[in-house]
Amino acid sequence: MFNRDSHNNFLKANLLSQALPYIQKFNGKTIVIKYGGNAMINEELKNAVITDIVLLNCVGIRVIVVHGGGPEINSFLTKIGKKSEFIKGLRVTDEETVDVVQMVLAGKVNKDLVALIDKNNGKAIGLCGIDANLLKCKKAQSDHGDLGYVGDITEVNEAIIEHCLNGGYIPVISSVALGQEDGKVYNINADSVAAKISAKLKAEKLILLTDVPGLMMDPKDPTSLISEIKLQDVQRLIDENIISGGMIPKMECCVDAVKNGVVRTHIIDGRVPHSILLEVFSNEGVGTMIY
């Protein structure tokens, strides 16, 4: 008798069969996921993201996770009585703040993610840009003020990442780096780190998890989502103010990645449970794709 349980099992089997072509297509390919936003602080969403990452790894996809940790940094700075300051979305990072950034990102946040992946029977290794000179940078310049110890990536040493991937591990990378000239620690925008790493490894996909559905014609109307953008149309959309505010640096990271060899980049809503699986294993995908 075809009861309710049988129907549910049929739906699950049907979904798995639809995923098969994508599993075959991406087996052995590299996908870089920038993890941040609400999906990082909401426990239910965090578990959904982690299980997605472990599943991708289990079916033979080489997954690299790059993370930030803005809310955790803000919380710690508040505890020590230090006010957070931003210029054009970038955290002003003096000597005291960069110590907090290094401690929070390379320490607590990074190891919490590694532990959560391990708890879900995945294999992860926590890294930061300082390890094995993984990331080198130069001091970032801004026309709107001195950012302090904020850097722009100049080099990615992919050897340690490849070593982890070849061993079946998921590298979990926090966004701090060493200054190429002064050897000091710098705070780096995590979207930028993800873009540079994906370009260096010629990844199949770069996926940025955000707190919005993607790029929308009208930011207040989720139904106005733009599902695909060609590289040559990005500047026009910026000029028309459709791409604006915090979406501009994210889009610039995607453009940089595609120009340097990444096949597809995606800006997707990390607030949707299992949005990573929906993007990778379905025809429709989610969010906005830049190609």
C-alpha atoms as a PDB file:
ATOM      1  CA  MET A   1       0.000   0.000   0.000  1.00  0.00           C
ATOM      2  CA  PHE A   2       1.351   3.441  -1.010  1.00  0.00           C
ATOM      3  CA  ASN A   3       1.024   5.300   2.302  1.00  0.00           C
ATOM      4  CA  ARG A   4       2.318   8.667   3.470  1.00  0.00           C
ATOM      5  CA  ASP A   5       5.727   7.270   4.463  1.00  0.00           C
ATOM      6  CA  SER A   6       6.076   5.629   1.061  1.00  0.00           C
ATOM      7  CA  HIS A   7       5.239   8.940  -0.612  1.00  0.00           C
ATOM      8  CA  ASN A   8       7.894  10.758   1.436  1.00  0.00           C
ATOM      9  CA  ASN A   9      10.463   8.099   0.590  1.00  0.00           C
ATOM     10  CA  PHE A  10       9.533   8.380  -3.088  1.00  0.00           C
ATOM     11  CA  LEU A  11      10.100  12.161  -2.971  1.00  0.00           C
ATOM     12  CA  LYS A  12      13.488  11.685  -1.316  1.00  0.00           C
ATOM     13  CA  ALA A  13      14.526   9.094  -3.912  1.00  0.00           C
ATOM     14  CA  ASN A  14      13.357  11.372  -6.730  1.00  0.00           C
ATOM     15  CA  LEU A  15      15.387  14.286  -5.356  1.00  0.00           C
ATOM     16  CA  LEU A  16      18.484  12.120  -5.098  1.00  0.00           C
ATOM     17  CA  SER A  17      18.079  10.900  -8.681  1.00  0.00           C
ATOM     18  CA  GLN A  18      17.809  14.514  -9.889  1.00  0.00           C
ATOM     19  CA  ALA A  19      21.042  15.337  -8.051  1.00  0.00           C
ATOM     20  CA  LEU A  20      22.990  12.515  -9.726  1.00  0.00           C
ATOM     21  CA  PRO A  21      24.044  14.424 -12.889  1.00  0.00           C
ATOM     22  CA  TYR A  22      25.378  17.267 -10.754  1.00  0.00           C
ATOM     23  CA  ILE A  23      27.226  14.888  -8.430  1.00  0.00           C
ATOM     24  CA  GLN A  24      28.887  13.369 -11.501  1.00  0.00           C
ATOM     25  CA  LYS A  25      29.590  16.791 -13.028  1.00  0.00           C
ATOM     26  CA  PHE A  26      31.256  18.260  -9.950  1.00  0.00           C
ATOM     27  CA  ASN A  27      33.065  15.160  -8.699  1.00  0.00           C
ATOM     28  CA  GLY A  28      36.727  16.099  -8.273  1.00  0.00           C
ATOM     29  CA  LYS A  29      36.010  19.800  -8.899  1.00  0.00           C
ATOM     30  CA  THR A  30      36.776  22.620  -6.439  1.00  0.00           C
ATOM     31  CA  ILE A  31      34.079  24.785  -4.857  1.00  0.00           C
ATOM     32  CA  VAL A  32      34.939  27.712  -2.563  1.00  0.00           C
ATOM     33  CA  ILE A  33      32.269  28.768  -0.059  1.00  0.00           C
ATOM     34  CA  LYS A  34      32.472  32.088   1.749  1.00  0.00           C
ATOM     35  CA  TYR A  35      30.606  31.547   4.993  1.00  0.00           C
ATOM     36  CA  GLY A  36      29.254  34.480   6.991  1.00  0.00           C
ATOM     37  CA  GLY A  37      26.204  36.530   7.824  1.00  0.00           C
ATOM     38  CA  ASN A  38      23.133  35.249   9.679  1.00  0.00           C
ATOM     39  CA  ALA A  39      23.886  31.666   8.660  1.00  0.00           C
ATOM     40  CA  MET A  40      26.902  31.871  10.937  1.00  0.00           C
ATOM     41  CA  ILE A  41      25.110  32.977  14.111  1.00  0.00           C
ATOM     42  CA  ASN A  42      21.769  31.167  13.814  1.00  0.00           C
ATOM     43  CA  GLU A  43      22.319  27.648  15.179  1.00  0.00           C
ATOM     44  CA  GLU A  44      19.720  25.967  12.937  1.00  0.00           C
ATOM     45  CA  LEU A  45      21.121  27.605   9.808  1.00  0.00           C
ATOM     46  CA  LYS A  46      24.682  26.886  10.919  1.00  0.00           C
ATOM     47  CA  ASN A  47      23.912  23.162  11.175  1.00  0.00           C
ATOM     48  CA  ALA A  48      22.269  23.223   7.730  1.00  0.00           C
ATOM     49  CA  VAL A  49      25.340  24.887   6.183  1.00  0.00           C
ATOM     50  CA  ILE A  50      27.750  22.470   7.840  1.00  0.00           C
ATOM     51  CA  THR A  51      25.793  19.376   6.757  1.00  0.00           C
ATOM     52  CA  ASP A  52      25.691  20.764   3.191  1.00  0.00           C
ATOM     53  CA  ILE A  53      29.480  21.201   3.248  1.00  0.00           C
ATOM     54  CA  VAL A  54      30.063  17.697   4.612  1.00  0.00           C
ATOM     55  CA  LEU A  55      27.718  16.208   2.006  1.00  0.00           C
ATOM     56  CA  LEU A  56      29.546  17.964  -0.853  1.00  0.00           C
ATOM     57  CA  ASN A  57      32.825  16.583   0.454  1.00  0.00           C
ATOM     58  CA  CYS A  58      31.379  13.059   0.806  1.00  0.00           C
ATOM     59  CA  VAL A  59      30.338  12.952  -2.877  1.00  0.00           C
ATOM     60  CA  GLY A  60      33.847  13.836  -4.056  1.00  0.00           C
ATOM     61  CA  ILE A  61      33.682  17.627  -4.358  1.00  0.00           C
ATOM     62  CA  ARG A  62      36.769  19.498  -3.128  1.00  0.00           C
ATOM     63  CA  VAL A  63      35.302  22.062  -0.728  1.00  0.00           C
ATOM     64  CA  ILE A  64      37.151  25.073   0.691  1.00  0.00           C
ATOM     65  CA  VAL A  65      35.468  27.189   3.361  1.00  0.00           C
ATOM     66  CA  VAL A  66      36.519  30.819   3.916  1.00  0.00           C
ATOM     67  CA  HIS A  67      34.937  32.621   6.847  1.00  0.00           C
ATOM     68  CA  GLY A  68      34.733  35.982   8.531  1.00  0.00           C
ATOM     69  CA  GLY A  69      33.285  36.640  11.956  1.00  0.00           C
ATOM     70  CA  GLY A  70      32.169  40.252  12.241  1.00  0.00           C
ATOM     71  CA  PRO A  71      29.492  39.768  14.944  1.00  0.00           C
ATOM     72  CA  GLU A  72      31.890  37.818  17.167  1.00  0.00           C
ATOM     73  CA  ILE A  73      34.576  40.495  16.753  1.00  0.00           C
ATOM     74  CA  ASN A  74      32.044  43.217  17.581  1.00  0.00           C
ATOM     75  CA  SER A  75      30.948  41.319  20.675  1.00  0.00           C
ATOM     76  CA  PHE A  76      34.494  40.915  21.989  1.00  0.00           C
ATOM     77  CA  LEU A  77      35.381  44.550  21.303  1.00  0.00           C
ATOM     78  CA  THR A  78      32.266  45.625  23.214  1.00  0.00           C
ATOM     79  CA  LYS A  79      33.346  43.503  26.179  1.00  0.00           C
ATOM     80  CA  ILE A  80      36.665  45.340  26.381  1.00  0.00           C
ATOM     81  CA  GLY A  81      34.970  48.714  25.917  1.00  0.00           C
ATOM     82  CA  LYS A  82      36.193  49.385  22.376  1.00  0.00           C
ATOM     83  CA  LYS A  83      33.908  50.881  19.758  1.00  0.00           C
ATOM     84  CA  SER A  84      33.761  49.345  16.269  1.00  0.00           C
ATOM     85  CA  GLU A  85      34.407  51.789  13.427  1.00  0.00           C
ATOM     86  CA  PHE A  86      33.877  51.185   9.717  1.00  0.00           C
ATOM     87  CA  ILE A  87      34.827  53.003   6.518  1.00  0.00           C
ATOM     88  CA  LYS A  88      32.867  51.959   3.420  1.00  0.00           C
ATOM     89  CA  GLY A  89      32.046  48.614   5.028  1.00  0.00           C
ATOM     90  CA  LEU A  90      35.650  47.867   6.091  1.00  0.00           C
ATOM     91  CA  ARG A  91      36.557  47.641   9.775  1.00  0.00           C
ATOM     92  CA  VAL A  92      39.085  50.236  10.908  1.00  0.00           C
ATOM     93  CA  THR A  93      41.710  48.017  12.532  1.00  0.00           C
ATOM     94  CA  ASP A  94      44.265  49.526  14.905  1.00  0.00           C
ATOM     95  CA  GLU A  95      46.890  47.475  16.782  1.00  0.00           C
ATOM     96  CA  GLU A  96      44.535  46.508  19.601  1.00  0.00           C
ATOM     97  CA  THR A  97      41.739  45.592  17.195  1.00  0.00           C
ATOM     98  CA  VAL A  98      43.943  43.457  14.943  1.00  0.00           C
ATOM     99  CA  ASP A  99      44.938  41.390  17.991  1.00  0.00           C
ATOM    100  CA  VAL A 100      41.244  40.804  18.700  1.00  0.00           C
ATOM    101  CA  VAL A 101      40.567  39.978  15.036  1.00  0.00           C
ATOM    102  CA  GLN A 102      43.371  37.410  14.973  1.00  0.00           C
ATOM    103  CA  MET A 103      42.275  35.858  18.250  1.00  0.00           C
ATOM    104  CA  VAL A 104      38.585  35.652  17.358  1.00  0.00           C
ATOM    105  CA  LEU A 105      38.897  34.593  13.698  1.00  0.00           C
ATOM    106  CA  ALA A 106      41.933  32.307  13.760  1.00  0.00           C
ATOM    107  CA  GLY A 107      41.068  31.048  17.232  1.00  0.00           C
ATOM    108  CA  LYS A 108      37.484  30.710  18.388  1.00  0.00           C
ATOM    109  CA  VAL A 109      35.456  31.025  15.166  1.00  0.00           C
ATOM    110  CA  ASN A 110      37.789  28.881  13.070  1.00  0.00           C
ATOM    111  CA  LYS A 111      38.047  26.069  15.607  1.00  0.00           C
ATOM    112  CA  ASP A 112      34.318  26.126  16.352  1.00  0.00           C
ATOM    113  CA  LEU A 113      33.637  25.514  12.639  1.00  0.00           C
ATOM    114  CA  VAL A 114      36.221  22.741  12.453  1.00  0.00           C
ATOM    115  CA  ALA A 115      34.695  21.092  15.528  1.00  0.00           C
ATOM    116  CA  LEU A 116      31.189  21.328  14.032  1.00  0.00           C
ATOM    117  CA  ILE A 117      32.320  19.724  10.765  1.00  0.00           C
ATOM    118  CA  ASP A 118      34.043  16.957  12.716  1.00  0.00           C
ATOM    119  CA  LYS A 119      30.870  16.482  14.824  1.00  0.00           C
ATOM    120  CA  ASN A 120      28.972  15.863  11.569  1.00  0.00           C
ATOM    121  CA  ASN A 121      31.500  13.185  10.554  1.00  0.00           C
ATOM    122  CA  GLY A 122      33.407  15.444   8.178  1.00  0.00           C
ATOM    123  CA  LYS A 123      37.179  15.938   8.030  1.00  0.00           C
ATOM    124  CA  ALA A 124      38.332  19.523   8.460  1.00  0.00           C
ATOM    125  CA  ILE A 125      41.566  21.401   9.069  1.00  0.00           C
ATOM    126  CA  GLY A 126      41.522  24.955  10.413  1.00  0.00           C
ATOM    127  CA  LEU A 127      43.912  27.419   8.790  1.00  0.00           C
ATOM    128  CA  CYS A 128      44.495  31.152   8.675  1.00  0.00           C
ATOM    129  CA  GLY A 129      46.459  33.243   6.202  1.00  0.00           C
ATOM    130  CA  ILE A 130      49.499  33.186   8.513  1.00  0.00           C
ATOM    131  CA  ASP A 131      49.904  29.387   8.327  1.00  0.00           C
ATOM    132  CA  ALA A 132      52.657  28.385   5.877  1.00  0.00           C
ATOM    133  CA  ASN A 133      52.469  31.910   4.379  1.00  0.00           C
ATOM    134  CA  LEU A 134      49.091  30.962   2.960  1.00  0.00           C
ATOM    135  CA  LEU A 135      48.109  34.601   2.347  1.00  0.00           C
ATOM    136  CA  LYS A 136      50.341  37.638   1.822  1.00  0.00           C
ATOM    137  CA  CYS A 137      48.983  41.154   1.593  1.00  0.00           C
ATOM    138  CA  LYS A 138      49.733  44.850   1.313  1.00  0.00           C
ATOM    139  CA  LYS A 139      48.153  47.646   3.331  1.00  0.00           C
ATOM    140  CA  ALA A 140      44.786  48.657   1.885  1.00  0.00           C
ATOM    141  CA  GLN A 141      44.352  52.275   0.843  1.00  0.00           C
ATOM    142  CA  SER A 142      41.149  54.290   1.141  1.00  0.00           C
ATOM    143  CA  ASP A 143      40.255  57.798   0.002  1.00  0.00           C
ATOM    144  CA  HIS A 144      37.988  58.084   3.039  1.00  0.00           C
ATOM    145  CA  GLY A 145      40.541  57.605   5.837  1.00  0.00           C
ATOM    146  CA  ASP A 146      43.240  55.350   7.231  1.00  0.00           C
ATOM    147  CA  LEU A 147      41.968  51.786   7.685  1.00  0.00           C
ATOM    148  CA  GLY A 148      44.919  50.744   9.849  1.00  0.00           C
ATOM    149  CA  TYR A 149      45.823  47.047   9.646  1.00  0.00           C
ATOM    150  CA  VAL A 150      43.492  46.185   6.783  1.00  0.00           C
ATOM    151  CA  GLY A 151      45.089  44.484   3.801  1.00  0.00           C
ATOM    152  CA  ASP A 152      44.612  43.586   0.146  1.00  0.00           C
ATOM    153  CA  ILE A 153      45.752  40.101  -0.897  1.00  0.00           C
ATOM    154  CA  THR A 154      48.891  40.013  -3.059  1.00  0.00           C
ATOM    155  CA  GLU A 155      49.769  36.280  -2.937  1.00  0.00           C
ATOM    156  CA  VAL A 156      48.019  32.971  -2.307  1.00  0.00           C
ATOM    157  CA  ASN A 157      50.230  29.970  -1.517  1.00  0.00           C
ATOM    158  CA  GLU A 158      47.906  27.234  -2.716  1.00  0.00           C
ATOM    159  CA  ALA A 159      50.259  24.338  -1.869  1.00  0.00           C
ATOM    160  CA  ILE A 160      48.970  23.842   1.682  1.00  0.00           C
ATOM    161  CA  ILE A 161      45.355  24.043   0.476  1.00  0.00           C
ATOM    162  CA  GLU A 162      46.024  21.407  -2.195  1.00  0.00           C
ATOM    163  CA  HIS A 163      47.761  19.237   0.400  1.00  0.00           C
ATOM    164  CA  CYS A 164      44.647  19.334   2.586  1.00  0.00           C
ATOM    165  CA  LEU A 165      42.269  18.703  -0.337  1.00  0.00           C
ATOM    166  CA  ASN A 166      44.331  15.792  -1.639  1.00  0.00           C
ATOM    167  CA  GLY A 167      44.132  14.232   1.808  1.00  0.00           C
ATOM    168  CA  GLY A 168      40.337  14.425   1.742  1.00  0.00           C
ATOM    169  CA  TYR A 169      40.147  17.297   4.226  1.00  0.00           C
ATOM    170  CA  ILE A 170      38.020  20.437   4.112  1.00  0.00           C
ATOM    171  CA  PRO A 171      40.261  23.494   4.623  1.00  0.00           C
ATOM    172  CA  VAL A 172      38.533  26.064   6.831  1.00  0.00           C
ATOM    173  CA  ILE A 173      40.347  29.389   6.334  1.00  0.00           C
ATOM    174  CA  SER A 174      40.035  32.555   8.412  1.00  0.00           C
ATOM    175  CA  SER A 175      40.614  35.928   6.785  1.00  0.00           C
ATOM    176  CA  VAL A 176      43.833  37.248   8.311  1.00  0.00           C
ATOM    177  CA  ALA A 177      47.145  37.553   6.439  1.00  0.00           C
ATOM    178  CA  LEU A 178      50.759  38.635   6.801  1.00  0.00           C
ATOM    179  CA  GLY A 179      51.978  41.929   5.371  1.00  0.00           C
ATOM    180  CA  GLN A 180      54.363  41.278   2.493  1.00  0.00           C
ATOM    181  CA  GLU A 181      56.666  44.131   3.492  1.00  0.00           C
ATOM    182  CA  ASP A 182      56.374  44.405   7.283  1.00  0.00           C
ATOM    183  CA  GLY A 183      55.406  40.849   8.292  1.00  0.00           C
ATOM    184  CA  LYS A 184      52.605  42.153  10.514  1.00  0.00           C
ATOM    185  CA  VAL A 185      49.127  40.646  10.797  1.00  0.00           C
ATOM    186  CA  TYR A 186      46.362  42.266   8.727  1.00  0.00           C
ATOM    187  CA  ASN A 187      42.604  41.967   8.720  1.00  0.00           C
ATOM    188  CA  ILE A 188      41.246  41.009   5.261  1.00  0.00           C
ATOM    189  CA  ASN A 189      37.719  41.144   3.853  1.00  0.00           C
ATOM    190  CA  ALA A 190      36.552  37.504   3.742  1.00  0.00           C
ATOM    191  CA  ASP A 191      34.777  37.918   0.368  1.00  0.00           C
ATOM    192  CA  SER A 192      38.069  39.081  -1.122  1.00  0.00           C
ATOM    193  CA  VAL A 193      39.976  36.147   0.403  1.00  0.00           C
ATOM    194  CA  ALA A 194      37.437  33.694  -1.024  1.00  0.00           C
ATOM    195  CA  ALA A 195      37.681  35.303  -4.474  1.00  0.00           C
ATOM    196  CA  LYS A 196      41.498  35.232  -4.522  1.00  0.00           C
ATOM    197  CA  ILE A 197      41.661  31.606  -3.365  1.00  0.00           C
ATOM    198  CA  SER A 198      39.013  30.467  -5.861  1.00  0.00           C
ATOM    199  CA  ALA A 199      40.886  32.204  -8.692  1.00  0.00           C
ATOM    200  CA  LYS A 200      44.241  30.726  -7.657  1.00  0.00           C
ATOM    201  CA  LEU A 201      42.789  27.200  -7.616  1.00  0.00           C
ATOM    202  CA  LYS A 202      40.695  27.783 -10.782  1.00  0.00           C
ATOM    203  CA  ALA A 203      37.594  26.692  -8.867  1.00  0.00           C
ATOM    204  CA  GLU A 204      34.443  25.525 -10.594  1.00  0.00           C
ATOM    205  CA  LYS A 205      32.332  27.717  -8.321  1.00  0.00           C
ATOM    206  CA  LEU A 206      32.674  30.521  -5.798  1.00  0.00           C
ATOM    207  CA  ILE A 207      29.616  30.777  -3.541  1.00  0.00           C
ATOM    208  CA  LEU A 208      29.115  33.814  -1.292  1.00  0.00           C
ATOM    209  CA  LEU A 209      26.555  33.286   1.483  1.00  0.00           C
ATOM    210  CA  THR A 210      24.781  36.557   2.299  1.00  0.00           C
ATOM    211  CA  ASP A 211      21.743  37.866   4.188  1.00  0.00           C
ATOM    212  CA  VAL A 212      19.796  38.770   1.040  1.00  0.00           C
ATOM    213  CA  PRO A 213      18.234  36.613  -1.723  1.00  0.00           C
ATOM    214  CA  GLY A 214      20.827  37.875  -4.224  1.00  0.00           C
ATOM    215  CA  LEU A 215      20.908  40.958  -6.449  1.00  0.00           C
ATOM    216  CA  MET A 216      17.443  42.465  -6.879  1.00  0.00           C
ATOM    217  CA  MET A 217      16.177  45.172  -9.222  1.00  0.00           C
ATOM    218  CA  ASP A 218      14.304  46.531  -6.187  1.00  0.00           C
ATOM    219  CA  PRO A 219      16.032  45.737  -2.852  1.00  0.00           C
ATOM    220  CA  LYS A 220      12.635  45.786  -1.109  1.00  0.00           C
ATOM    221  CA  ASP A 221      11.069  43.264  -3.502  1.00  0.00           C
ATOM    222  CA  PRO A 222      12.436  39.681  -3.326  1.00  0.00           C
ATOM    223  CA  THR A 223      10.464  38.792  -6.472  1.00  0.00           C
ATOM    224  CA  SER A 224      12.700  41.196  -8.457  1.00  0.00           C
ATOM    225  CA  LEU A 225      15.700  38.840  -8.047  1.00  0.00           C
ATOM    226  CA  ILE A 226      18.125  38.870 -10.985  1.00  0.00           C
ATOM    227  CA  SER A 227      19.095  35.208 -11.366  1.00  0.00           C
ATOM    228  CA  GLU A 228      21.927  35.625 -13.906  1.00  0.00           C
ATOM    229  CA  ILE A 229      24.357  38.409 -14.812  1.00  0.00           C
ATOM    230  CA  LYS A 230      26.934  38.370 -17.579  1.00  0.00           C
ATOM    231  CA  LEU A 231      30.315  39.817 -16.690  1.00  0.00           C
ATOM    232  CA  GLN A 232      30.018  42.630 -19.234  1.00  0.00           C
ATOM    233  CA  ASP A 233      26.733  43.837 -17.680  1.00  0.00           C
ATOM    234  CA  VAL A 234      28.053  44.399 -14.143  1.00  0.00           C
ATOM    235  CA  GLN A 235      29.414  47.933 -14.668  1.00  0.00           C
ATOM    236  CA  ARG A 236      26.173  49.033 -16.337  1.00  0.00           C
ATOM    237  CA  LEU A 237      24.183  47.788 -13.338  1.00  0.00           C
ATOM    238  CA  ILE A 238      26.514  49.715 -11.013  1.00  0.00           C
ATOM    239  CA  ASP A 239      26.101  52.871 -13.121  1.00  0.00           C
ATOM    240  CA  GLU A 240      22.307  52.422 -12.982  1.00  0.00           C
ATOM    241  CA  ASN A 241      22.531  52.065  -9.173  1.00  0.00           C
ATOM    242  CA  ILE A 242      20.960  48.605  -9.279  1.00  0.00           C
ATOM    243  CA  ILE A 243      24.188  47.243  -7.799  1.00  0.00           C
ATOM    244  CA  SER A 244      24.822  49.573  -4.865  1.00  0.00           C
ATOM    245  CA  GLY A 245      26.032  49.791  -1.262  1.00  0.00           C
ATOM    246  CA  GLY A 246      27.404  46.598   0.248  1.00  0.00           C
ATOM    247  CA  MET A 247      26.558  44.626  -2.880  1.00  0.00           C
ATOM    248  CA  ILE A 248      29.242  46.477  -4.891  1.00  0.00           C
ATOM    249  CA  PRO A 249      32.303  44.901  -3.178  1.00  0.00           C
ATOM    250  CA  LYS A 250      30.671  41.446  -3.295  1.00  0.00           C
ATOM    251  CA  MET A 251      29.997  41.828  -7.003  1.00  0.00           C
ATOM    252  CA  GLU A 252      33.539  43.104  -7.585  1.00  0.00           C
ATOM    253  CA  CYS A 253      34.899  39.983  -5.874  1.00  0.00           C
ATOM    254  CA  CYS A 254      32.772  37.807  -8.154  1.00  0.00           C
ATOM    255  CA  VAL A 255      33.946  39.710 -11.243  1.00  0.00           C
ATOM    256  CA  ASP A 256      37.579  39.376 -10.163  1.00  0.00           C
ATOM    257  CA  ALA A 257      37.134  35.627  -9.650  1.00  0.00           C
ATOM    258  CA  VAL A 258      35.504  35.024 -13.052  1.00  0.00           C
ATOM    259  CA  LYS A 259      38.098  37.148 -14.859  1.00  0.00           C
ATOM    260  CA  ASN A 260      40.798  34.996 -13.283  1.00  0.00           C
ATOM    261  CA  GLY A 261      39.467  31.583 -14.204  1.00  0.00           C
ATOM    262  CA  VAL A 262      36.544  30.704 -11.904  1.00  0.00           C
ATOM    263  CA  VAL A 263      33.767  29.188 -14.036  1.00  0.00           C
ATOM    264  CA  ARG A 264      30.736  30.479 -12.091  1.00  0.00           C
ATOM    265  CA  THR A 265      30.229  32.699  -9.057  1.00  0.00           C
ATOM    266  CA  HIS A 266      27.074  32.880  -6.974  1.00  0.00           C
ATOM    267  CA  ILE A 267      25.622  35.236  -4.384  1.00  0.00           C
ATOM    268  CA  ILE A 268      23.016  33.247  -2.447  1.00  0.00           C
ATOM    269  CA  ASP A 269      20.823  33.637   0.625  1.00  0.00           C
ATOM    270  CA  GLY A 270      22.433  31.923   3.602  1.00  0.00           C
ATOM    271  CA  ARG A 271      19.176  32.373   5.542  1.00  0.00           C
ATOM    272  CA  VAL A 272      17.542  29.656   3.405  1.00  0.00           C
ATOM    273  CA  PRO A 273      18.245  26.203   4.878  1.00  0.00           C
ATOM    274  CA  HIS A 274      20.378  24.047   2.562  1.00  0.00           C
ATOM    275  CA  SER A 275      20.733  26.858   0.019  1.00  0.00           C
ATOM    276  CA  ILE A 276      24.165  25.463  -0.929  1.00  0.00           C
ATOM    277  CA  LEU A 277      22.658  22.126  -1.985  1.00  0.00           C
ATOM    278  CA  LEU A 278      19.894  23.923  -3.888  1.00  0.00           C
ATOM    279  CA  GLU A 279      22.526  25.890  -5.795  1.00  0.00           C
ATOM    280  CA  VAL A 280      24.864  23.012  -6.588  1.00  0.00           C
ATOM    281  CA  PHE A 281      22.394  20.171  -7.204  1.00  0.00           C
ATOM    282  CA  SER A 282      19.431  21.748  -9.018  1.00  0.00           C
ATOM    283  CA  ASN A 283      18.692  23.219 -12.447  1.00  0.00           C
ATOM    284  CA  GLU A 284      17.105  26.356 -11.047  1.00  0.00           C
ATOM    285  CA  GLY A 285      19.743  27.116  -8.433  1.00  0.00           C
ATOM    286  CA  VAL A 286      19.187  30.023  -6.044  1.00  0.00           C
ATOM    287  CA  GLY A 287      20.413  33.590  -5.762  1.00  0.00           C
ATOM    288  CA  THR A 288      22.361  35.435  -8.461  1.00  0.00           C
ATOM    289  CA  MET A 289      24.923  33.814 -10.756  1.00  0.00           C
ATOM    290  CA  ILE A 290      27.717  35.867 -12.357  1.00  0.00           C
ATOM    291  CA  TYR A 291      29.401  34.291 -15.360  1.00  0.00           C
END
